[in-house]
N, C-alpha and C. Protein backbone atom coordinates (compact mmCIF):
# COMPACT_ATOMS: atom_id res chain seq x y z
N MET A 1 0.61 -1.51 0.14
CA MET A 1 -0.37 0.06 -0.05
C MET A 1 0.65 1.60 0.47
N ASN A 2 0.65 1.98 -0.87
CA ASN A 2 1.91 3.44 -0.88
C ASN A 2 0.66 4.39 -0.37
N VAL A 3 1.78 5.15 0.29
CA VAL A 3 1.39 6.58 0.69
C VAL A 3 0.19 7.30 0.05
N THR A 4 0.14 7.22 -1.40
CA THR A 4 -0.84 7.79 -2.35
C THR A 4 -2.29 7.40 -2.07
N GLU A 5 -1.93 5.98 -1.72
CA GLU A 5 -3.29 5.38 -1.67
C GLU A 5 -3.78 5.38 -0.32
N VAL A 6 -2.95 5.38 0.92
CA VAL A 6 -3.26 6.20 1.97
C VAL A 6 -4.02 7.23 2.10
N HIS A 7 -3.47 8.25 1.55
CA HIS A 7 -4.18 9.38 1.44
C HIS A 7 -5.01 9.20 0.64
N SER A 8 -5.24 8.67 -0.08
CA SER A 8 -6.62 8.98 -0.89
C SER A 8 -7.69 8.32 0.04
N HIS A 9 -7.44 6.85 0.80
CA HIS A 9 -8.53 6.16 1.79
C HIS A 9 -8.81 7.27 2.85
N LEU A 10 -7.73 8.03 3.26
CA LEU A 10 -7.91 9.20 4.49
C LEU A 10 -9.36 10.50 3.86
N ILE A 11 -8.79 10.67 2.79
CA ILE A 11 -9.49 12.04 2.72
C ILE A 11 -10.88 11.90 1.95
N SER A 12 -10.81 9.81 1.66
CA SER A 12 -12.51 9.53 1.00
C SER A 12 -13.31 9.06 2.66
N HIS A 13 -12.56 9.08 4.01
CA HIS A 13 -13.38 9.53 4.71
C HIS A 13 -13.24 10.39 5.81
N ASN A 14 -13.03 11.52 5.25
CA ASN A 14 -12.96 12.92 5.73
C ASN A 14 -12.20 13.16 6.86
N ILE A 15 -10.81 12.87 6.78
CA ILE A 15 -9.73 12.73 7.43
C ILE A 15 -8.52 13.23 6.88
N LYS A 16 -8.06 14.60 7.50
CA LYS A 16 -6.77 14.99 6.72
C LYS A 16 -5.51 14.38 7.21
N PRO A 17 -4.78 14.25 5.82
CA PRO A 17 -3.95 13.22 6.16
C PRO A 17 -2.52 14.33 7.41
N SER A 18 -2.24 13.36 7.85
CA SER A 18 -0.47 14.05 8.41
C SER A 18 0.25 13.06 8.28
N VAL A 19 1.55 13.35 8.68
CA VAL A 19 2.56 12.17 8.81
C VAL A 19 2.10 10.86 9.81
N GLN A 20 1.91 11.28 11.05
CA GLN A 20 1.37 9.92 11.77
C GLN A 20 0.22 9.43 11.22
N ARG A 21 -0.87 10.25 10.30
CA ARG A 21 -2.32 9.58 10.26
C ARG A 21 -1.62 8.85 9.05
N VAL A 22 -1.13 9.34 8.22
CA VAL A 22 -0.55 8.15 7.05
C VAL A 22 -0.10 7.08 7.23
N ALA A 23 0.52 6.85 8.32
CA ALA A 23 1.91 6.18 9.39
C ALA A 23 1.22 4.56 9.59
N ILE A 24 -0.31 5.63 10.74
CA ILE A 24 -0.97 4.71 11.28
C ILE A 24 -1.50 3.84 10.32
N MET A 25 -2.12 4.58 9.43
CA MET A 25 -3.49 4.02 8.61
C MET A 25 -2.82 3.11 7.63
N GLN A 26 -1.66 3.06 6.87
CA GLN A 26 -0.57 2.57 6.36
C GLN A 26 -0.27 1.11 6.64
N TYR A 27 0.03 1.17 8.49
CA TYR A 27 0.44 0.18 9.05
C TYR A 27 -1.22 -1.08 8.84
N LEU A 28 -2.21 0.03 9.46
CA LEU A 28 -2.90 -1.01 9.88
C LEU A 28 -3.70 -1.80 8.74
N MET A 29 -3.15 -1.59 7.07
CA MET A 29 -3.21 -1.95 5.88
C MET A 29 -3.06 -2.37 5.31
N GLU A 30 -1.45 -2.96 5.63
CA GLU A 30 -0.63 -3.89 5.75
C GLU A 30 -0.37 -5.01 6.87
N HIS A 31 -0.53 -4.81 7.41
CA HIS A 31 -0.49 -5.56 8.94
C HIS A 31 -2.13 -6.18 9.08
N LYS A 32 -2.44 -7.34 8.67
CA LYS A 32 -3.93 -7.93 8.66
C LYS A 32 -3.85 -8.52 10.10
N THR A 33 -3.33 -8.17 10.85
CA THR A 33 -3.39 -9.18 12.27
C THR A 33 -4.36 -8.48 13.61
N HIS A 34 -4.50 -7.69 13.01
CA HIS A 34 -5.79 -6.43 13.88
C HIS A 34 -4.98 -6.31 15.26
N PRO A 35 -3.95 -5.27 15.00
CA PRO A 35 -3.20 -4.82 16.29
C PRO A 35 -3.94 -3.99 17.19
N THR A 36 -3.22 -3.79 18.53
CA THR A 36 -3.36 -3.38 19.50
C THR A 36 -2.82 -1.56 19.59
N ILE A 37 -3.12 -0.96 20.03
CA ILE A 37 -2.80 0.08 19.95
C ILE A 37 -1.02 0.37 20.23
N ASP A 38 -0.57 -0.49 21.15
CA ASP A 38 0.97 -0.87 21.83
C ASP A 38 1.36 -0.95 20.99
N GLN A 39 0.58 -2.12 20.00
CA GLN A 39 1.41 -2.92 18.85
C GLN A 39 1.86 -2.18 17.33
N ILE A 40 0.79 -1.19 17.83
CA ILE A 40 1.20 -0.15 16.48
C ILE A 40 1.92 1.19 16.71
N PHE A 41 2.12 1.67 17.98
CA PHE A 41 2.87 2.38 18.71
C PHE A 41 4.29 1.92 18.56
N ASN A 42 4.96 0.75 19.15
CA ASN A 42 5.75 0.18 19.35
C ASN A 42 6.55 -0.13 17.85
N HIS A 43 5.56 -0.29 16.81
CA HIS A 43 6.19 -0.75 15.61
C HIS A 43 6.56 0.69 14.96
N LEU A 44 5.77 1.85 15.25
CA LEU A 44 6.11 2.84 14.18
C LEU A 44 7.44 3.99 14.93
N LEU A 45 7.29 3.98 16.40
CA LEU A 45 8.07 4.27 17.03
C LEU A 45 9.41 4.73 16.58
N PRO A 46 10.25 3.40 15.90
CA PRO A 46 11.32 3.93 15.73
C PRO A 46 11.45 4.90 14.43
N HIS A 47 10.09 4.84 13.33
CA HIS A 47 10.43 5.57 12.04
C HIS A 47 9.83 6.73 12.66
N ILE A 48 9.25 7.21 13.57
CA ILE A 48 8.83 8.38 14.03
C ILE A 48 8.97 8.84 15.53
N PRO A 49 10.14 9.07 16.01
CA PRO A 49 10.42 9.20 17.38
C PRO A 49 9.97 10.08 18.17
N THR A 50 9.44 11.30 17.25
CA THR A 50 8.57 11.98 18.27
C THR A 50 6.72 11.27 18.22
N LEU A 51 6.61 10.70 18.31
CA LEU A 51 5.16 9.71 17.95
C LEU A 51 4.63 9.10 19.61
N SER A 52 3.65 9.96 19.97
CA SER A 52 3.23 9.03 21.44
C SER A 52 1.83 8.60 21.73
N LYS A 53 2.10 7.53 22.48
CA LYS A 53 1.08 6.91 22.75
C LYS A 53 -0.37 7.47 22.56
N THR A 54 -0.60 8.71 22.94
CA THR A 54 -1.70 9.40 22.73
C THR A 54 -2.19 9.96 21.17
N THR A 55 -1.21 9.80 21.13
CA THR A 55 -1.39 10.44 19.23
C THR A 55 -1.87 8.97 18.60
N VAL A 56 -1.44 7.90 18.94
CA VAL A 56 -1.76 6.92 17.88
C VAL A 56 -3.46 6.29 18.71
N TYR A 57 -3.65 6.49 19.92
CA TYR A 57 -5.20 6.25 20.54
C TYR A 57 -5.72 7.49 20.17
N ASN A 58 -5.94 8.61 19.94
CA ASN A 58 -6.36 9.61 19.65
C ASN A 58 -6.76 9.34 18.28
N THR A 59 -5.90 9.00 16.98
CA THR A 59 -5.73 9.08 15.43
C THR A 59 -6.23 7.60 15.49
N LEU A 60 -7.15 6.64 16.72
CA LEU A 60 -7.33 5.14 15.78
C LEU A 60 -8.68 5.66 16.41
N LYS A 61 -9.39 6.69 17.72
CA LYS A 61 -10.34 6.65 17.82
C LYS A 61 -10.81 7.40 16.65
N LEU A 62 -10.30 8.51 16.03
CA LEU A 62 -10.66 9.51 14.82
C LEU A 62 -11.32 8.51 13.75
N PHE A 63 -10.38 7.77 13.64
CA PHE A 63 -10.19 7.09 12.83
C PHE A 63 -11.73 5.94 12.93
N TYR A 64 -11.85 5.51 13.71
CA TYR A 64 -12.99 4.82 14.45
C TYR A 64 -14.23 5.81 14.28
N ASP A 65 -14.19 6.55 14.43
CA ASP A 65 -15.34 7.80 14.78
C ASP A 65 -15.22 8.45 13.00
N LYS A 66 -14.94 7.96 12.08
CA LYS A 66 -15.08 8.19 10.94
C LYS A 66 -14.88 7.20 10.17
N ARG A 67 -15.73 5.98 10.50
CA ARG A 67 -15.54 4.58 10.13
C ARG A 67 -14.67 4.30 8.74
N ALA A 68 -13.37 4.52 9.42
CA ALA A 68 -12.43 4.45 8.78
C ALA A 68 -11.50 3.20 9.16
N VAL A 69 -11.71 2.53 10.29
CA VAL A 69 -10.99 1.54 10.64
C VAL A 69 -12.33 0.64 11.65
N LEU A 70 -12.60 -0.60 12.02
CA LEU A 70 -13.44 -1.05 12.86
C LEU A 70 -12.21 -1.59 13.67
N ALA A 71 -13.33 -1.16 15.32
CA ALA A 71 -12.56 -1.29 16.84
C ALA A 71 -12.99 -2.54 17.59
N LEU A 72 -12.16 -3.96 18.06
CA LEU A 72 -12.67 -5.05 17.96
C LEU A 72 -12.17 -5.38 19.08
N THR A 73 -13.26 -5.62 20.16
CA THR A 73 -13.73 -5.91 21.23
C THR A 73 -13.57 -7.56 21.69
N ILE A 74 -12.87 -8.68 20.46
CA ILE A 74 -13.01 -9.71 20.65
C ILE A 74 -12.27 -10.11 21.94
N ASP A 75 -10.61 -9.15 21.82
CA ASP A 75 -9.71 -9.81 22.78
C ASP A 75 -9.98 -9.03 24.28
N GLU A 76 -10.02 -10.02 25.41
CA GLU A 76 -10.53 -9.18 26.55
C GLU A 76 -9.67 -8.04 27.24
N LYS A 77 -8.61 -8.14 26.66
CA LYS A 77 -7.84 -7.39 27.15
C LYS A 77 -7.34 -5.87 26.23
N ASN A 78 -7.11 -6.35 25.17
CA ASN A 78 -7.10 -5.00 24.63
C ASN A 78 -8.02 -4.88 23.25
N VAL A 79 -8.44 -3.58 23.11
CA VAL A 79 -9.56 -3.45 21.71
C VAL A 79 -7.93 -3.31 20.65
N ARG A 80 -8.80 -4.42 19.40
CA ARG A 80 -7.70 -4.79 18.53
C ARG A 80 -8.14 -3.73 17.49
N TYR A 81 -7.52 -3.46 16.22
CA TYR A 81 -8.66 -2.64 15.32
C TYR A 81 -7.89 -3.46 13.69
N ASP A 82 -8.97 -3.09 12.97
CA ASP A 82 -9.08 -3.58 11.60
C ASP A 82 -9.38 -2.71 10.89
N ALA A 83 -8.19 -2.72 9.74
CA ALA A 83 -8.39 -1.35 8.56
C ALA A 83 -9.72 -1.92 7.53
N GLU A 84 -10.19 -3.02 7.51
CA GLU A 84 -11.02 -3.70 6.32
C GLU A 84 -12.57 -3.60 7.41
N VAL A 85 -13.08 -2.63 6.61
CA VAL A 85 -14.61 -1.87 6.97
C VAL A 85 -15.36 -2.80 6.31
N THR A 86 -15.15 -3.18 5.74
CA THR A 86 -16.43 -4.20 4.64
C THR A 86 -16.77 -5.34 5.67
N ALA A 87 -17.95 -5.88 5.97
CA ALA A 87 -19.39 -6.77 6.47
C ALA A 87 -17.98 -8.23 6.40
N HIS A 88 -17.61 -8.86 7.26
CA HIS A 88 -16.86 -9.46 7.79
C HIS A 88 -16.90 -10.04 9.21
N ALA A 89 -16.28 -11.27 9.42
CA ALA A 89 -16.54 -11.54 10.91
C ALA A 89 -14.76 -12.01 11.58
N HIS A 90 -14.68 -12.42 12.69
CA HIS A 90 -13.38 -12.57 13.33
C HIS A 90 -13.35 -13.95 13.99
N PHE A 91 -12.01 -14.58 13.71
CA PHE A 91 -12.00 -15.81 14.48
C PHE A 91 -10.86 -15.64 15.56
N LYS A 92 -10.92 -15.60 16.30
CA LYS A 92 -10.09 -15.77 17.74
C LYS A 92 -9.29 -17.26 17.76
N CYS A 93 -8.14 -17.51 17.90
CA CYS A 93 -7.57 -19.10 18.53
C CYS A 93 -7.34 -18.57 20.04
N LYS A 94 -8.07 -19.78 20.61
CA LYS A 94 -7.84 -19.62 21.94
C LYS A 94 -6.52 -20.35 22.62
N LYS A 95 -6.09 -20.97 21.85
CA LYS A 95 -4.51 -21.32 21.88
C LYS A 95 -3.49 -20.46 21.95
N CYS A 96 -3.22 -19.73 20.29
CA CYS A 96 -2.28 -18.84 20.25
C CYS A 96 -2.53 -17.01 19.98
N GLY A 97 -4.09 -16.95 20.41
CA GLY A 97 -4.72 -15.58 20.49
C GLY A 97 -4.57 -14.60 19.47
N SER A 98 -4.10 -15.68 17.98
CA SER A 98 -4.26 -14.90 16.43
C SER A 98 -6.05 -14.41 16.46
N ILE A 99 -6.02 -13.54 15.62
CA ILE A 99 -7.36 -13.11 15.04
C ILE A 99 -6.88 -12.75 13.08
N GLN A 100 -8.44 -13.46 13.12
CA GLN A 100 -7.79 -13.62 11.26
C GLN A 100 -9.84 -13.47 11.48
N ASP A 101 -9.49 -12.95 9.83
CA ASP A 101 -10.49 -12.39 9.01
C ASP A 101 -11.48 -13.95 8.61
N ILE A 102 -12.71 -13.89 9.09
CA ILE A 102 -13.72 -14.88 8.20
C ILE A 102 -14.84 -14.12 7.16
N CYS A 103 -14.73 -14.49 6.15
CA CYS A 103 -15.33 -14.10 5.09
C CYS A 103 -17.09 -13.96 5.25
N LEU A 104 -17.97 -13.32 5.28
CA LEU A 104 -19.17 -13.24 6.23
C LEU A 104 -19.87 -12.55 5.02
N GLU A 105 -21.09 -12.61 4.86
CA GLU A 105 -21.98 -12.23 3.75
C GLU A 105 -23.17 -11.70 4.12
N GLU A 106 -24.04 -11.04 4.04
CA GLU A 106 -24.79 -9.98 4.79
C GLU A 106 -26.07 -11.00 5.38
N THR A 107 -26.51 -12.08 4.26
CA THR A 107 -27.64 -13.01 4.21
C THR A 107 -27.09 -13.70 5.20
N ASP A 108 -25.74 -13.94 5.76
CA ASP A 108 -25.59 -14.77 7.04
C ASP A 108 -25.95 -13.63 8.52
N ILE A 109 -26.22 -13.02 8.41
CA ILE A 109 -26.45 -12.54 9.61
C ILE A 109 -27.79 -11.97 9.95
N PRO A 110 -28.14 -12.66 11.25
CA PRO A 110 -29.84 -12.28 11.29
C PRO A 110 -30.71 -11.38 11.20
N PRO A 111 -31.63 -10.74 10.84
CA PRO A 111 -32.90 -10.04 10.73
C PRO A 111 -32.45 -9.48 12.40
N PHE A 112 -32.13 -8.25 11.77
CA PHE A 112 -32.45 -7.55 13.54
C PHE A 112 -33.82 -7.18 13.96
N LYS A 113 -34.09 -7.50 15.21
CA LYS A 113 -35.67 -7.46 15.52
C LYS A 113 -36.10 -6.37 16.68
N GLY A 114 -34.99 -5.41 16.64
CA GLY A 114 -35.05 -4.56 17.91
C GLY A 114 -36.38 -3.56 17.17
N SER A 115 -36.54 -2.21 18.35
CA SER A 115 -37.52 -1.37 18.37
C SER A 115 -37.36 -0.39 17.09
N ASN A 116 -38.61 -0.09 17.16
CA ASN A 116 -38.16 0.72 15.56
C ASN A 116 -37.52 1.52 15.93
N LYS A 117 -37.40 2.41 17.13
CA LYS A 117 -36.93 3.09 17.53
C LYS A 117 -35.36 3.35 18.29
N LEU A 118 -35.05 1.99 17.64
CA LEU A 118 -33.20 1.99 17.56
C LEU A 118 -32.71 1.79 16.32
N ILE A 119 -31.62 2.50 16.51
CA ILE A 119 -31.07 2.61 15.11
C ILE A 119 -29.51 1.69 14.69
N LEU A 120 -29.34 0.51 14.33
CA LEU A 120 -28.33 0.31 14.45
C LEU A 120 -27.42 0.44 13.19
N GLU A 121 -25.89 0.39 14.15
CA GLU A 121 -24.93 0.65 13.26
C GLU A 121 -24.02 0.38 13.38
N ASP A 122 -23.85 -0.67 13.85
CA ASP A 122 -22.47 -2.02 14.29
C ASP A 122 -23.23 -3.32 14.37
N THR A 123 -22.47 -4.01 13.30
CA THR A 123 -22.82 -5.15 14.03
C THR A 123 -21.04 -5.51 13.98
N GLN A 124 -21.04 -6.75 15.24
CA GLN A 124 -19.67 -7.65 14.99
C GLN A 124 -20.05 -8.80 15.20
N VAL A 125 -19.34 -9.88 14.54
CA VAL A 125 -19.46 -11.42 14.86
C VAL A 125 -18.46 -12.01 14.90
N TYR A 126 -18.19 -12.65 16.02
CA TYR A 126 -17.15 -13.29 16.58
C TYR A 126 -17.28 -14.44 16.71
N PHE A 127 -16.12 -15.53 16.64
CA PHE A 127 -16.23 -17.24 16.45
C PHE A 127 -14.89 -17.02 17.34
N MET A 128 -14.95 -18.66 17.86
CA MET A 128 -13.91 -18.44 18.69
C MET A 128 -13.22 -20.46 19.27
N GLY A 129 -12.25 -20.73 18.50
CA GLY A 129 -11.47 -21.75 18.82
C GLY A 129 -10.49 -21.87 18.10
N ILE A 130 -9.66 -23.15 17.74
CA ILE A 130 -8.31 -23.36 17.62
C ILE A 130 -8.22 -22.93 16.14
N CYS A 131 -7.24 -22.65 15.81
CA CYS A 131 -6.95 -21.78 14.44
C CYS A 131 -5.88 -23.59 13.94
N GLU A 132 -6.29 -23.02 12.61
CA GLU A 132 -5.64 -24.26 11.33
C GLU A 132 -4.09 -24.76 12.02
N LYS A 133 -3.28 -23.34 12.35
CA LYS A 133 -1.78 -23.78 12.47
C LYS A 133 -1.78 -24.19 13.76
N CYS A 134 -2.39 -23.92 15.08
CA CYS A 134 -2.70 -24.62 16.77
C CYS A 134 -2.90 -25.99 16.30
N THR A 135 -4.08 -26.55 15.39
CA THR A 135 -4.54 -27.98 15.17
C THR A 135 -3.62 -28.68 14.56
N SER A 136 -2.97 -28.38 13.14
CA SER A 136 -1.64 -28.82 12.78
C SER A 136 -0.38 -29.18 13.50
N ASN A 137 -0.38 -28.42 14.58
CA ASN A 137 0.73 -28.54 15.57
C ASN A 137 0.64 -29.36 16.69
N ASN A 138 -0.15 -30.41 16.66
CA ASN A 138 -0.69 -31.39 17.92
C ASN A 138 -0.38 -32.73 17.52
């Protein structure tokens, strides 16, 4: 993912590109590991010595508010971030802790049967079990 594509992606979500914002989004788009704030910060700090953890936190909050990323609560200890915002589910391995995307069609999600006054803005589907890598290591 080149910087021009990241700039365009941010602008398409009404986010003004900055050095930090571009670096954080580029990291998310290139690393499909659903990283935490700490993982993003630790990876980018050698490249951007002036980066603070607060900046990473505030940038991810902005990205989430503008619907440029998903914030996943599948990990009971940390929020994870995903630059893939199209409909999909997530699988967490109970052994190694890895999180991976699972294809999910809109028809796979049961219809929402809440009050007519509720506005559904987000649906997150999580699966947990043992991943292929851990299963084959037995």
